[in-house]
Amino acid sequence: MQIRQQIAQSHQELMDLDARCKAVIAHREFQLAAQIPATELQDSYMQLSVLEERRKVVKEHLTQLEALRVQQMKVYETAHRNREVIEQIREEKLELFAREQVRRDQHLMDDNFSARKARQ
């Protein structure tokens, strides 16, 4: 899976975790008004704790993905620059070859002209 796709999935998971945390908090507030047993209250705190721990893990993973994306971009940029340099060298050599070919052709035509003139 591409890094950008993984980053997008991690961002989506963070938003989902935030929404679930808000839902747990809202449900707990509602239950507090209804005077719930302490075990249910403790359960909601445990749910929040698990969600926060998962959020922390996802954020760490996201940080690693971002670092990997930056590293890949540097590799891409280096390869792109190298390709441009190679392409420029290739074009220069092609141009040099074409100039040399024109010189050889001109030299051959001059020799032919000189040979014809000498025969006359």
PDB file of N, CA and C in Angstrom:
ATOM      1  N   MET A   1       0.848  -1.175   0.000  1.00  0.00           N
ATOM      2  CA  MET A   1       0.000   0.000   0.000  1.00  0.00           C
ATOM      3  C   MET A   1       0.895   1.241   0.000  1.00  0.00           C
ATOM      4  N   GLN A   2       0.500   2.224  -0.743  1.00  0.00           N
ATOM      5  CA  GLN A   2       1.318   3.433  -0.825  1.00  0.00           C
ATOM      6  C   GLN A   2       1.275   4.192   0.492  1.00  0.00           C
ATOM      7  N   ILE A   3       2.337   4.933   0.724  1.00  0.00           N
ATOM      8  CA  ILE A   3       2.462   5.674   1.979  1.00  0.00           C
ATOM      9  C   ILE A   3       1.353   6.708   2.109  1.00  0.00           C
ATOM     10  N   ARG A   4       1.046   7.409   1.029  1.00  0.00           N
ATOM     11  CA  ARG A   4      -0.013   8.426   1.109  1.00  0.00           C
ATOM     12  C   ARG A   4      -1.343   7.804   1.511  1.00  0.00           C
ATOM     13  N   GLN A   5      -1.600   6.616   0.992  1.00  0.00           N
ATOM     14  CA  GLN A   5      -2.839   5.926   1.328  1.00  0.00           C
ATOM     15  C   GLN A   5      -2.841   5.546   2.808  1.00  0.00           C
ATOM     16  N   GLN A   6      -1.712   5.072   3.310  1.00  0.00           N
ATOM     17  CA  GLN A   6      -1.611   4.723   4.713  1.00  0.00           C
ATOM     18  C   GLN A   6      -1.762   5.961   5.600  1.00  0.00           C
ATOM     19  N   ILE A   7      -1.195   7.070   5.154  1.00  0.00           N
ATOM     20  CA  ILE A   7      -1.320   8.321   5.911  1.00  0.00           C
ATOM     21  C   ILE A   7      -2.785   8.744   5.970  1.00  0.00           C
ATOM     22  N   ALA A   8      -3.474   8.662   4.840  1.00  0.00           N
ATOM     23  CA  ALA A   8      -4.888   9.025   4.812  1.00  0.00           C
ATOM     24  C   ALA A   8      -5.702   8.111   5.727  1.00  0.00           C
ATOM     25  N   GLN A   9      -5.388   6.825   5.719  1.00  0.00           N
ATOM     26  CA  GLN A   9      -6.103   5.887   6.586  1.00  0.00           C
ATOM     27  C   GLN A   9      -5.833   6.198   8.054  1.00  0.00           C
ATOM     28  N   SER A  10      -4.599   6.559   8.376  1.00  0.00           N
ATOM     29  CA  SER A  10      -4.264   6.900   9.761  1.00  0.00           C
ATOM     30  C   SER A  10      -4.994   8.155  10.207  1.00  0.00           C
ATOM     31  N   HIS A  11      -5.060   9.150   9.325  1.00  0.00           N
ATOM     32  CA  HIS A  11      -5.808  10.373   9.658  1.00  0.00           C
ATOM     33  C   HIS A  11      -7.285  10.040   9.883  1.00  0.00           C
ATOM     34  N   GLN A  12      -7.830   9.185   9.038  1.00  0.00           N
ATOM     35  CA  GLN A  12      -9.235   8.782   9.183  1.00  0.00           C
ATOM     36  C   GLN A  12      -9.435   8.034  10.501  1.00  0.00           C
ATOM     37  N   GLU A  13      -8.498   7.159  10.833  1.00  0.00           N
ATOM     38  CA  GLU A  13      -8.612   6.425  12.096  1.00  0.00           C
ATOM     39  C   GLU A  13      -8.557   7.375  13.286  1.00  0.00           C
ATOM     40  N   LEU A  14      -7.695   8.399  13.206  1.00  0.00           N
ATOM     41  CA  LEU A  14      -7.637   9.395  14.289  1.00  0.00           C
ATOM     42  C   LEU A  14      -8.970  10.123  14.441  1.00  0.00           C
ATOM     43  N   MET A  15      -9.572  10.489  13.312  1.00  0.00           N
ATOM     44  CA  MET A  15     -10.873  11.168  13.385  1.00  0.00           C
ATOM     45  C   MET A  15     -11.928  10.234  13.979  1.00  0.00           C
ATOM     46  N   ASP A  16     -11.889   8.958  13.586  1.00  0.00           N
ATOM     47  CA  ASP A  16     -12.835   7.983  14.132  1.00  0.00           C
ATOM     48  C   ASP A  16     -12.638   7.812  15.638  1.00  0.00           C
ATOM     49  N   LEU A  17     -11.385   7.738  16.064  1.00  0.00           N
ATOM     50  CA  LEU A  17     -11.096   7.602  17.492  1.00  0.00           C
ATOM     51  C   LEU A  17     -11.586   8.823  18.268  1.00  0.00           C
ATOM     52  N   ASP A  18     -11.369  10.011  17.704  1.00  0.00           N
ATOM     53  CA  ASP A  18     -11.855  11.232  18.358  1.00  0.00           C
ATOM     54  C   ASP A  18     -13.375  11.207  18.496  1.00  0.00           C
ATOM     55  N   ALA A  19     -14.047  10.760  17.447  1.00  0.00           N
ATOM     56  CA  ALA A  19     -15.512  10.695  17.485  1.00  0.00           C
ATOM     57  C   ALA A  19     -15.979   9.685  18.531  1.00  0.00           C
ATOM     58  N   ARG A  20     -15.288   8.556  18.603  1.00  0.00           N
ATOM     59  CA  ARG A  20     -15.660   7.544  19.595  1.00  0.00           C
ATOM     60  C   ARG A  20     -15.421   8.049  21.011  1.00  0.00           C
ATOM     61  N   CYS A  21     -14.328   8.779  21.230  1.00  0.00           N
ATOM     62  CA  CYS A  21     -14.056   9.362  22.545  1.00  0.00           C
ATOM     63  C   CYS A  21     -15.163  10.328  22.938  1.00  0.00           C
ATOM     64  N   LYS A  22     -15.556  11.172  21.999  1.00  0.00           N
ATOM     65  CA  LYS A  22     -16.632  12.134  22.286  1.00  0.00           C
ATOM     66  C   LYS A  22     -17.933  11.406  22.600  1.00  0.00           C
ATOM     67  N   ALA A  23     -18.193  10.322  21.882  1.00  0.00           N
ATOM     68  CA  ALA A  23     -19.414   9.557  22.128  1.00  0.00           C
ATOM     69  C   ALA A  23     -19.383   8.915  23.512  1.00  0.00           C
ATOM     70  N   VAL A  24     -18.233   8.366  23.896  1.00  0.00           N
ATOM     71  CA  VAL A  24     -18.107   7.744  25.222  1.00  0.00           C
ATOM     72  C   VAL A  24     -18.298   8.796  26.311  1.00  0.00           C
ATOM     73  N   ILE A  25     -17.695   9.953  26.118  1.00  0.00           N
ATOM     74  CA  ILE A  25     -17.826  11.033  27.109  1.00  0.00           C
ATOM     75  C   ILE A  25     -19.288  11.494  27.210  1.00  0.00           C
ATOM     76  N   ALA A  26     -19.906  11.679  26.058  1.00  0.00           N
ATOM     77  CA  ALA A  26     -21.310  12.110  26.064  1.00  0.00           C
ATOM     78  C   ALA A  26     -22.191  11.067  26.741  1.00  0.00           C
ATOM     79  N   HIS A  27     -21.945   9.793  26.460  1.00  0.00           N
ATOM     80  CA  HIS A  27     -22.733   8.728  27.080  1.00  0.00           C
ATOM     81  C   HIS A  27     -22.497   8.700  28.594  1.00  0.00           C
ATOM     82  N   ARG A  28     -21.254   8.876  28.999  1.00  0.00           N
ATOM     83  CA  ARG A  28     -20.932   8.895  30.434  1.00  0.00           C
ATOM     84  C   ARG A  28     -21.623  10.059  31.121  1.00  0.00           C
ATOM     85  N   GLU A  29     -21.607  11.224  30.493  1.00  0.00           N
ATOM     86  CA  GLU A  29     -22.281  12.399  31.085  1.00  0.00           C
ATOM     87  C   GLU A  29     -23.773  12.136  31.240  1.00  0.00           C
ATOM     88  N   PHE A  30     -24.339  11.497  30.240  1.00  0.00           N
ATOM     89  CA  PHE A  30     -25.765  11.160  30.319  1.00  0.00           C
ATOM     90  C   PHE A  30     -26.010  10.177  31.451  1.00  0.00           C
ATOM     91  N   GLN A  31     -25.139   9.166  31.568  1.00  0.00           N
ATOM     92  CA  GLN A  31     -25.314   8.165  32.616  1.00  0.00           C
ATOM     93  C   GLN A  31     -25.086   8.747  34.005  1.00  0.00           C
ATOM     94  N   LEU A  32     -24.191   9.721  34.126  1.00  0.00           N
ATOM     95  CA  LEU A  32     -23.949  10.366  35.420  1.00  0.00           C
ATOM     96  C   LEU A  32     -25.213  11.074  35.911  1.00  0.00           C
ATOM     97  N   ALA A  33     -25.910  11.672  34.975  1.00  0.00           N
ATOM     98  CA  ALA A  33     -27.156  12.357  35.346  1.00  0.00           C
ATOM     99  C   ALA A  33     -28.210  11.341  35.786  1.00  0.00           C
ATOM    100  N   ALA A  34     -28.091  10.114  35.284  1.00  0.00           N
ATOM    101  CA  ALA A  34     -29.062   9.071  35.618  1.00  0.00           C
ATOM    102  C   ALA A  34     -28.606   8.240  36.812  1.00  0.00           C
ATOM    103  N   GLN A  35     -27.531   8.607  37.418  1.00  0.00           N
ATOM    104  CA  GLN A  35     -26.992   7.918  38.598  1.00  0.00           C
ATOM    105  C   GLN A  35     -26.747   6.429  38.311  1.00  0.00           C
ATOM    106  N   ILE A  36     -25.704   6.174  37.543  1.00  0.00           N
ATOM    107  CA  ILE A  36     -25.361   4.805  37.166  1.00  0.00           C
ATOM    108  C   ILE A  36     -24.467   4.162  38.216  1.00  0.00           C
ATOM    109  N   PRO A  37     -24.363   2.843  38.182  1.00  0.00           N
ATOM    110  CA  PRO A  37     -23.448   2.169  39.119  1.00  0.00           C
ATOM    111  C   PRO A  37     -21.993   2.536  38.816  1.00  0.00           C
ATOM    112  N   ALA A  38     -21.137   2.440  39.784  1.00  0.00           N
ATOM    113  CA  ALA A  38     -19.727   2.809  39.659  1.00  0.00           C
ATOM    114  C   ALA A  38     -19.008   1.930  38.634  1.00  0.00           C
ATOM    115  N   THR A  39     -19.447   0.681  38.501  1.00  0.00           N
ATOM    116  CA  THR A  39     -18.773  -0.204  37.540  1.00  0.00           C
ATOM    117  C   THR A  39     -18.966   0.291  36.112  1.00  0.00           C
ATOM    118  N   GLU A  40     -20.145   0.794  35.806  1.00  0.00           N
ATOM    119  CA  GLU A  40     -20.390   1.327  34.462  1.00  0.00           C
ATOM    120  C   GLU A  40     -19.574   2.595  34.235  1.00  0.00           C
ATOM    121  N   LEU A  41     -19.475   3.398  35.269  1.00  0.00           N
ATOM    122  CA  LEU A  41     -18.661   4.614  35.170  1.00  0.00           C
ATOM    123  C   LEU A  41     -17.192   4.247  34.951  1.00  0.00           C
ATOM    124  N   GLN A  42     -16.743   3.249  35.707  1.00  0.00           N
ATOM    125  CA  GLN A  42     -15.362   2.800  35.558  1.00  0.00           C
ATOM    126  C   GLN A  42     -15.148   2.208  34.163  1.00  0.00           C
ATOM    127  N   ASP A  43     -16.144   1.529  33.640  1.00  0.00           N
ATOM    128  CA  ASP A  43     -16.062   0.966  32.298  1.00  0.00           C
ATOM    129  C   ASP A  43     -15.878   2.072  31.253  1.00  0.00           C
ATOM    130  N   SER A  44     -16.596   3.171  31.410  1.00  0.00           N
ATOM    131  CA  SER A  44     -16.454   4.262  30.433  1.00  0.00           C
ATOM    132  C   SER A  44     -15.060   4.882  30.513  1.00  0.00           C
ATOM    133  N   TYR A  45     -14.510   4.987  31.724  1.00  0.00           N
ATOM    134  CA  TYR A  45     -13.138   5.494  31.856  1.00  0.00           C
ATOM    135  C   TYR A  45     -12.141   4.524  31.213  1.00  0.00           C
ATOM    136  N   MET A  46     -12.402   3.230  31.341  1.00  0.00           N
ATOM    137  CA  MET A  46     -11.530   2.229  30.727  1.00  0.00           C
ATOM    138  C   MET A  46     -11.616   2.333  29.202  1.00  0.00           C
ATOM    139  N   GLN A  47     -12.801   2.527  28.679  1.00  0.00           N
ATOM    140  CA  GLN A  47     -12.967   2.688  27.228  1.00  0.00           C
ATOM    141  C   GLN A  47     -12.172   3.896  26.735  1.00  0.00           C
ATOM    142  N   LEU A  48     -12.280   4.993  27.471  1.00  0.00           N
ATOM    143  CA  LEU A  48     -11.527   6.200  27.089  1.00  0.00           C
ATOM    144  C   LEU A  48     -10.025   5.941  27.138  1.00  0.00           C
ATOM    145  N   SER A  49      -9.593   5.230  28.139  1.00  0.00           N
ATOM    146  CA  SER A  49      -8.176   4.930  28.273  1.00  0.00           C
ATOM    147  C   SER A  49      -7.689   4.101  27.085  1.00  0.00           C
ATOM    148  N   VAL A  50      -8.466   3.092  26.706  1.00  0.00           N
ATOM    149  CA  VAL A  50      -8.106   2.249  25.558  1.00  0.00           C
ATOM    150  C   VAL A  50      -8.090   3.078  24.281  1.00  0.00           C
ATOM    151  N   LEU A  51      -9.089   3.931  24.110  1.00  0.00           N
ATOM    152  CA  LEU A  51      -9.148   4.772  22.911  1.00  0.00           C
ATOM    153  C   LEU A  51      -7.967   5.736  22.857  1.00  0.00           C
ATOM    154  N   GLU A  52      -7.619   6.318  23.991  1.00  0.00           N
ATOM    155  CA  GLU A  52      -6.481   7.251  24.031  1.00  0.00           C
ATOM    156  C   GLU A  52      -5.170   6.527  23.741  1.00  0.00           C
ATOM    157  N   GLU A  53      -5.042   5.302  24.247  1.00  0.00           N
ATOM    158  CA  GLU A  53      -3.833   4.528  23.957  1.00  0.00           C
ATOM    159  C   GLU A  53      -3.746   4.201  22.466  1.00  0.00           C
ATOM    160  N   ARG A  54      -4.878   3.825  21.885  1.00  0.00           N
ATOM    161  CA  ARG A  54      -4.897   3.539  20.442  1.00  0.00           C
ATOM    162  C   ARG A  54      -4.567   4.799  19.649  1.00  0.00           C
ATOM    163  N   ARG A  55      -5.085   5.919  20.101  1.00  0.00           N
ATOM    164  CA  ARG A  55      -4.818   7.212  19.438  1.00  0.00           C
ATOM    165  C   ARG A  55      -3.326   7.514  19.459  1.00  0.00           C
ATOM    166  N   LYS A  56      -2.700   7.240  20.592  1.00  0.00           N
ATOM    167  CA  LYS A  56      -1.255   7.468  20.726  1.00  0.00           C
ATOM    168  C   LYS A  56      -0.483   6.582  19.741  1.00  0.00           C
ATOM    169  N   VAL A  57      -0.864   5.310  19.643  1.00  0.00           N
ATOM    170  CA  VAL A  57      -0.202   4.375  18.725  1.00  0.00           C
ATOM    171  C   VAL A  57      -0.370   4.838  17.279  1.00  0.00           C
ATOM    172  N   VAL A  58      -1.578   5.267  16.930  1.00  0.00           N
ATOM    173  CA  VAL A  58      -1.838   5.716  15.556  1.00  0.00           C
ATOM    174  C   VAL A  58      -1.025   6.971  15.252  1.00  0.00           C
ATOM    175  N   LYS A  59      -0.918   7.886  16.208  1.00  0.00           N
ATOM    176  CA  LYS A  59      -0.132   9.108  15.985  1.00  0.00           C
ATOM    177  C   LYS A  59       1.352   8.776  15.790  1.00  0.00           C
ATOM    178  N   GLU A  60       1.864   7.829  16.560  1.00  0.00           N
ATOM    179  CA  GLU A  60       3.263   7.419  16.396  1.00  0.00           C
ATOM    180  C   GLU A  60       3.468   6.797  15.014  1.00  0.00           C
ATOM    181  N   HIS A  61       2.517   5.963  14.610  1.00  0.00           N
ATOM    182  CA  HIS A  61       2.594   5.341  13.280  1.00  0.00           C
ATOM    183  C   HIS A  61       2.534   6.414  12.186  1.00  0.00           C
ATOM    184  N   LEU A  62       1.689   7.393  12.388  1.00  0.00           N
ATOM    185  CA  LEU A  62       1.562   8.488  11.424  1.00  0.00           C
ATOM    186  C   LEU A  62       2.871   9.269  11.324  1.00  0.00           C
ATOM    187  N   THR A  63       3.524   9.491  12.437  1.00  0.00           N
ATOM    188  CA  THR A  63       4.818  10.186  12.437  1.00  0.00           C
ATOM    189  C   THR A  63       5.855   9.380  11.647  1.00  0.00           C
ATOM    190  N   GLN A  64       5.854   8.065  11.836  1.00  0.00           N
ATOM    191  CA  GLN A  64       6.777   7.211  11.087  1.00  0.00           C
ATOM    192  C   GLN A  64       6.469   7.253   9.588  1.00  0.00           C
ATOM    193  N   LEU A  65       5.185   7.239   9.257  1.00  0.00           N
ATOM    194  CA  LEU A  65       4.799   7.296   7.846  1.00  0.00           C
ATOM    195  C   LEU A  65       5.222   8.614   7.210  1.00  0.00           C
ATOM    196  N   GLU A  66       5.046   9.707   7.935  1.00  0.00           N
ATOM    197  CA  GLU A  66       5.449  11.022   7.419  1.00  0.00           C
ATOM    198  C   GLU A  66       6.964  11.058   7.179  1.00  0.00           C
ATOM    199  N   ALA A  67       7.733  10.494   8.111  1.00  0.00           N
ATOM    200  CA  ALA A  67       9.189  10.459   7.935  1.00  0.00           C
ATOM    201  C   ALA A  67       9.552   9.613   6.715  1.00  0.00           C
ATOM    202  N   LEU A  68       8.865   8.510   6.537  1.00  0.00           N
ATOM    203  CA  LEU A  68       9.110   7.651   5.385  1.00  0.00           C
ATOM    204  C   LEU A  68       8.734   8.354   4.082  1.00  0.00           C
ATOM    205  N   ARG A  69       7.635   9.114   4.108  1.00  0.00           N
ATOM    206  CA  ARG A  69       7.217   9.868   2.922  1.00  0.00           C
ATOM    207  C   ARG A  69       8.268  10.914   2.554  1.00  0.00           C
ATOM    208  N   VAL A  70       8.777  11.615   3.556  1.00  0.00           N
ATOM    209  CA  VAL A  70       9.813  12.627   3.310  1.00  0.00           C
ATOM    210  C   VAL A  70      11.067  11.967   2.726  1.00  0.00           C
ATOM    211  N   GLN A  71      11.443  10.827   3.288  1.00  0.00           N
ATOM    212  CA  GLN A  71      12.606  10.100   2.784  1.00  0.00           C
ATOM    213  C   GLN A  71      12.399   9.668   1.336  1.00  0.00           C
ATOM    214  N   GLN A  72      11.218   9.159   1.021  1.00  0.00           N
ATOM    215  CA  GLN A  72      10.939   8.746  -0.349  1.00  0.00           C
ATOM    216  C   GLN A  72      10.940   9.932  -1.305  1.00  0.00           C
ATOM    217  N   MET A  73      10.448  11.073  -0.852  1.00  0.00           N
ATOM    218  CA  MET A  73      10.464  12.267  -1.704  1.00  0.00           C
ATOM    219  C   MET A  73      11.899  12.698  -1.999  1.00  0.00           C
ATOM    220  N   LYS A  74      12.771  12.593  -1.003  1.00  0.00           N
ATOM    221  CA  LYS A  74      14.179  12.945  -1.231  1.00  0.00           C
ATOM    222  C   LYS A  74      14.805  12.000  -2.251  1.00  0.00           C
ATOM    223  N   VAL A  75      14.509  10.707  -2.128  1.00  0.00           N
ATOM    224  CA  VAL A  75      15.030   9.730  -3.087  1.00  0.00           C
ATOM    225  C   VAL A  75      14.508  10.040  -4.482  1.00  0.00           C
ATOM    226  N   TYR A  76      13.211  10.349  -4.569  1.00  0.00           N
ATOM    227  CA  TYR A  76      12.606  10.678  -5.871  1.00  0.00           C
ATOM    228  C   TYR A  76      13.257  11.922  -6.472  1.00  0.00           C
ATOM    229  N   GLU A  77      13.422  12.961  -5.656  1.00  0.00           N
ATOM    230  CA  GLU A  77      14.003  14.208  -6.158  1.00  0.00           C
ATOM    231  C   GLU A  77      15.439  13.985  -6.635  1.00  0.00           C
ATOM    232  N   THR A  78      16.209  13.185  -5.897  1.00  0.00           N
ATOM    233  CA  THR A  78      17.579  12.879  -6.306  1.00  0.00           C
ATOM    234  C   THR A  78      17.586  12.126  -7.629  1.00  0.00           C
ATOM    235  N   ALA A  79      16.732  11.129  -7.738  1.00  0.00           N
ATOM    236  CA  ALA A  79      16.651  10.357  -8.983  1.00  0.00           C
ATOM    237  C   ALA A  79      16.209  11.247 -10.145  1.00  0.00           C
ATOM    238  N   HIS A  80      15.270  12.147  -9.878  1.00  0.00           N
ATOM    239  CA  HIS A  80      14.785  13.054 -10.923  1.00  0.00           C
ATOM    240  C   HIS A  80      15.911  13.981 -11.400  1.00  0.00           C
ATOM    241  N   ARG A  81      16.655  14.528 -10.430  1.00  0.00           N
ATOM    242  CA  ARG A  81      17.784  15.400 -10.790  1.00  0.00           C
ATOM    243  C   ARG A  81      18.824  14.618 -11.592  1.00  0.00           C
ATOM    244  N   ASN A  82      19.126  13.402 -11.142  1.00  0.00           N
ATOM    245  CA  ASN A  82      20.101  12.579 -11.862  1.00  0.00           C
ATOM    246  C   ASN A  82      19.632  12.290 -13.279  1.00  0.00           C
ATOM    247  N   ARG A  83      18.360  12.028 -13.432  1.00  0.00           N
ATOM    248  CA  ARG A  83      17.826  11.751 -14.760  1.00  0.00           C
ATOM    249  C   ARG A  83      17.945  12.986 -15.651  1.00  0.00           C
ATOM    250  N   GLU A  84      17.670  14.162 -15.087  1.00  0.00           N
ATOM    251  CA  GLU A  84      17.797  15.396 -15.864  1.00  0.00           C
ATOM    252  C   GLU A  84      19.237  15.615 -16.306  1.00  0.00           C
ATOM    253  N   VAL A  85      20.192  15.339 -15.407  1.00  0.00           N
ATOM    254  CA  VAL A  85      21.608  15.496 -15.746  1.00  0.00           C
ATOM    255  C   VAL A  85      21.991  14.529 -16.857  1.00  0.00           C
ATOM    256  N   ILE A  86      21.559  13.285 -16.715  1.00  0.00           N
ATOM    257  CA  ILE A  86      21.870  12.277 -17.740  1.00  0.00           C
ATOM    258  C   ILE A  86      21.243  12.675 -19.075  1.00  0.00           C
ATOM    259  N   GLU A  87      20.014  13.156 -19.038  1.00  0.00           N
ATOM    260  CA  GLU A  87      19.338  13.586 -20.273  1.00  0.00           C
ATOM    261  C   GLU A  87      20.078  14.758 -20.917  1.00  0.00           C
ATOM    262  N   GLN A  88      20.546  15.692 -20.095  1.00  0.00           N
ATOM    263  CA  GLN A  88      21.290  16.836 -20.621  1.00  0.00           C
ATOM    264  C   GLN A  88      22.608  16.383 -21.250  1.00  0.00           C
ATOM    265  N   ILE A  89      23.313  15.467 -20.586  1.00  0.00           N
ATOM    266  CA  ILE A  89      24.572  14.942 -21.133  1.00  0.00           C
ATOM    267  C   ILE A  89      24.302  14.216 -22.448  1.00  0.00           C
ATOM    268  N   ARG A  90      23.229  13.443 -22.481  1.00  0.00           N
ATOM    269  CA  ARG A  90      22.869  12.720 -23.705  1.00  0.00           C
ATOM    270  C   ARG A  90      22.603  13.693 -24.845  1.00  0.00           C
ATOM    271  N   GLU A  91      21.855  14.751 -24.561  1.00  0.00           N
ATOM    272  CA  GLU A  91      21.561  15.743 -25.595  1.00  0.00           C
ATOM    273  C   GLU A  91      22.833  16.441 -26.070  1.00  0.00           C
ATOM    274  N   GLU A  92      23.731  16.761 -25.139  1.00  0.00           N
ATOM    275  CA  GLU A  92      24.986  17.405 -25.523  1.00  0.00           C
ATOM    276  C   GLU A  92      25.827  16.484 -26.406  1.00  0.00           C
ATOM    277  N   LYS A  93      25.891  15.197 -26.048  1.00  0.00           N
ATOM    278  CA  LYS A  93      26.656  14.243 -26.859  1.00  0.00           C
ATOM    279  C   LYS A  93      26.022  14.063 -28.233  1.00  0.00           C
ATOM    280  N   LEU A  94      24.712  14.025 -28.275  1.00  0.00           N
ATOM    281  CA  LEU A  94      24.015  13.903 -29.555  1.00  0.00           C
ATOM    282  C   LEU A  94      24.300  15.121 -30.430  1.00  0.00           C
ATOM    283  N   GLU A  95      24.265  16.300 -29.818  1.00  0.00           N
ATOM    284  CA  GLU A  95      24.558  17.527 -30.566  1.00  0.00           C
ATOM    285  C   GLU A  95      26.005  17.528 -31.047  1.00  0.00           C
ATOM    286  N   LEU A  96      26.924  17.100 -30.200  1.00  0.00           N
ATOM    287  CA  LEU A  96      28.336  17.020 -30.583  1.00  0.00           C
ATOM    288  C   LEU A  96      28.524  16.017 -31.727  1.00  0.00           C
ATOM    289  N   PHE A  97      27.856  14.877 -31.634  1.00  0.00           N
ATOM    290  CA  PHE A  97      27.939  13.878 -32.702  1.00  0.00           C
ATOM    291  C   PHE A  97      27.412  14.443 -34.013  1.00  0.00           C
ATOM    292  N   ALA A  98      26.293  15.161 -33.942  1.00  0.00           N
ATOM    293  CA  ALA A  98      25.714  15.742 -35.166  1.00  0.00           C
ATOM    294  C   ALA A  98      26.674  16.757 -35.775  1.00  0.00           C
ATOM    295  N   ARG A  99      27.311  17.599 -34.934  1.00  0.00           N
ATOM    296  CA  ARG A  99      28.276  18.567 -35.449  1.00  0.00           C
ATOM    297  C   ARG A  99      29.479  17.871 -36.093  1.00  0.00           C
ATOM    298  N   GLU A 100      29.964  16.828 -35.434  1.00  0.00           N
ATOM    299  CA  GLU A 100      31.090  16.063 -35.990  1.00  0.00           C
ATOM    300  C   GLU A 100      30.703  15.413 -37.316  1.00  0.00           C
ATOM    301  N   GLN A 101      29.488  14.919 -37.400  1.00  0.00           N
ATOM    302  CA  GLN A 101      29.009  14.304 -38.636  1.00  0.00           C
ATOM    303  C   GLN A 101      28.953  15.338 -39.756  1.00  0.00           C
ATOM    304  N   VAL A 102      28.481  16.535 -39.445  1.00  0.00           N
ATOM    305  CA  VAL A 102      28.433  17.606 -40.449  1.00  0.00           C
ATOM    306  C   VAL A 102      29.852  17.956 -40.901  1.00  0.00           C
ATOM    307  N   ARG A 103      30.796  18.019 -39.958  1.00  0.00           N
ATOM    308  CA  ARG A 103      32.184  18.312 -40.317  1.00  0.00           C
ATOM    309  C   ARG A 103      32.758  17.225 -41.216  1.00  0.00           C
ATOM    310  N   ARG A 104      32.511  15.954 -40.862  1.00  0.00           N
ATOM    311  CA  ARG A 104      33.012  14.852 -41.705  1.00  0.00           C
ATOM    312  C   ARG A 104      32.405  14.914 -43.104  1.00  0.00           C
ATOM    313  N   ASP A 105      31.107  15.172 -43.161  1.00  0.00           N
ATOM    314  CA  ASP A 105      30.454  15.267 -44.468  1.00  0.00           C
ATOM    315  C   ASP A 105      31.034  16.418 -45.280  1.00  0.00           C
ATOM    316  N   GLN A 106      31.235  17.571 -44.619  1.00  0.00           N
ATOM    317  CA  GLN A 106      31.806  18.729 -45.312  1.00  0.00           C
ATOM    318  C   GLN A 106      33.223  18.417 -45.786  1.00  0.00           C
ATOM    319  N   HIS A 107      33.982  17.758 -44.916  1.00  0.00           N
ATOM    320  CA  HIS A 107      35.358  17.400 -45.290  1.00  0.00           C
ATOM    321  C   HIS A 107      35.343  16.445 -46.490  1.00  0.00           C
ATOM    322  N   LEU A 108      34.444  15.475 -46.499  1.00  0.00           N
ATOM    323  CA  LEU A 108      34.327  14.533 -47.624  1.00  0.00           C
ATOM    324  C   LEU A 108      33.933  15.265 -48.901  1.00  0.00           C
ATOM    325  N   MET A 109      32.996  16.199 -48.796  1.00  0.00           N
ATOM    326  CA  MET A 109      32.585  16.961 -49.986  1.00  0.00           C
ATOM    327  C   MET A 109      33.736  17.827 -50.491  1.00  0.00           C
ATOM    328  N   ASP A 110      34.491  18.420 -49.553  1.00  0.00           N
ATOM    329  CA  ASP A 110      35.645  19.236 -49.961  1.00  0.00           C
ATOM    330  C   ASP A 110      36.694  18.372 -50.669  1.00  0.00           C
ATOM    331  N   ASP A 111      36.932  17.181 -50.129  1.00  0.00           N
ATOM    332  CA  ASP A 111      37.892  16.264 -50.770  1.00  0.00           C
ATOM    333  C   ASP A 111      37.409  15.865 -52.159  1.00  0.00           C
ATOM    334  N   ASN A 112      36.135  15.564 -52.296  1.00  0.00           N
ATOM    335  CA  ASN A 112      35.577  15.199 -53.607  1.00  0.00           C
ATOM    336  C   ASN A 112      35.701  16.359 -54.587  1.00  0.00           C
ATOM    337  N   PHE A 113      35.400  17.564 -54.112  1.00  0.00           N
ATOM    338  CA  PHE A 113      35.495  18.739 -54.963  1.00  0.00           C
ATOM    339  C   PHE A 113      36.945  18.952 -55.400  1.00  0.00           C
ATOM    340  N   SER A 114      37.863  18.806 -54.429  1.00  0.00           N
ATOM    341  CA  SER A 114      39.282  18.988 -54.763  1.00  0.00           C
ATOM    342  C   SER A 114      39.753  17.931 -55.746  1.00  0.00           C
ATOM    343  N   ALA A 115      39.301  16.721 -55.601  1.00  0.00           N
ATOM    344  CA  ALA A 115      39.707  15.631 -56.499  1.00  0.00           C
ATOM    345  C   ALA A 115      39.156  15.901 -57.908  1.00  0.00           C
ATOM    346  N   ARG A 116      37.956  16.347 -58.043  1.00  0.00           N
ATOM    347  CA  ARG A 116      37.372  16.651 -59.356  1.00  0.00           C
ATOM    348  C   ARG A 116      38.118  17.812 -60.022  1.00  0.00           C
ATOM    349  N   LYS A 117      38.423  18.800 -59.206  1.00  0.00           N
ATOM    350  CA  LYS A 117      39.111  19.974 -59.744  1.00  0.00           C
ATOM    351  C   LYS A 117      40.506  19.593 -60.199  1.00  0.00           C
ATOM    352  N   ALA A 118      41.140  18.676 -59.465  1.00  0.00           N
ATOM    353  CA  ALA A 118      42.498  18.261 -59.831  1.00  0.00           C
ATOM    354  C   ALA A 118      42.472  17.471 -61.147  1.00  0.00           C
ATOM    355  N   ARG A 119      41.408  16.729 -61.457  1.00  0.00           N
ATOM    356  CA  ARG A 119      41.308  15.934 -62.674  1.00  0.00           C
ATOM    357  C   ARG A 119      41.076  16.821 -63.889  1.00  0.00           C
ATOM    358  N   GLN A 120      40.564  17.936 -63.695  1.00  0.00           N
ATOM    359  CA  GLN A 120      40.241  18.777 -64.854  1.00  0.00           C
ATOM    360  C   GLN A 120      41.409  19.518 -65.375  1.00  0.00           C
TER     361      GLN A 120
END
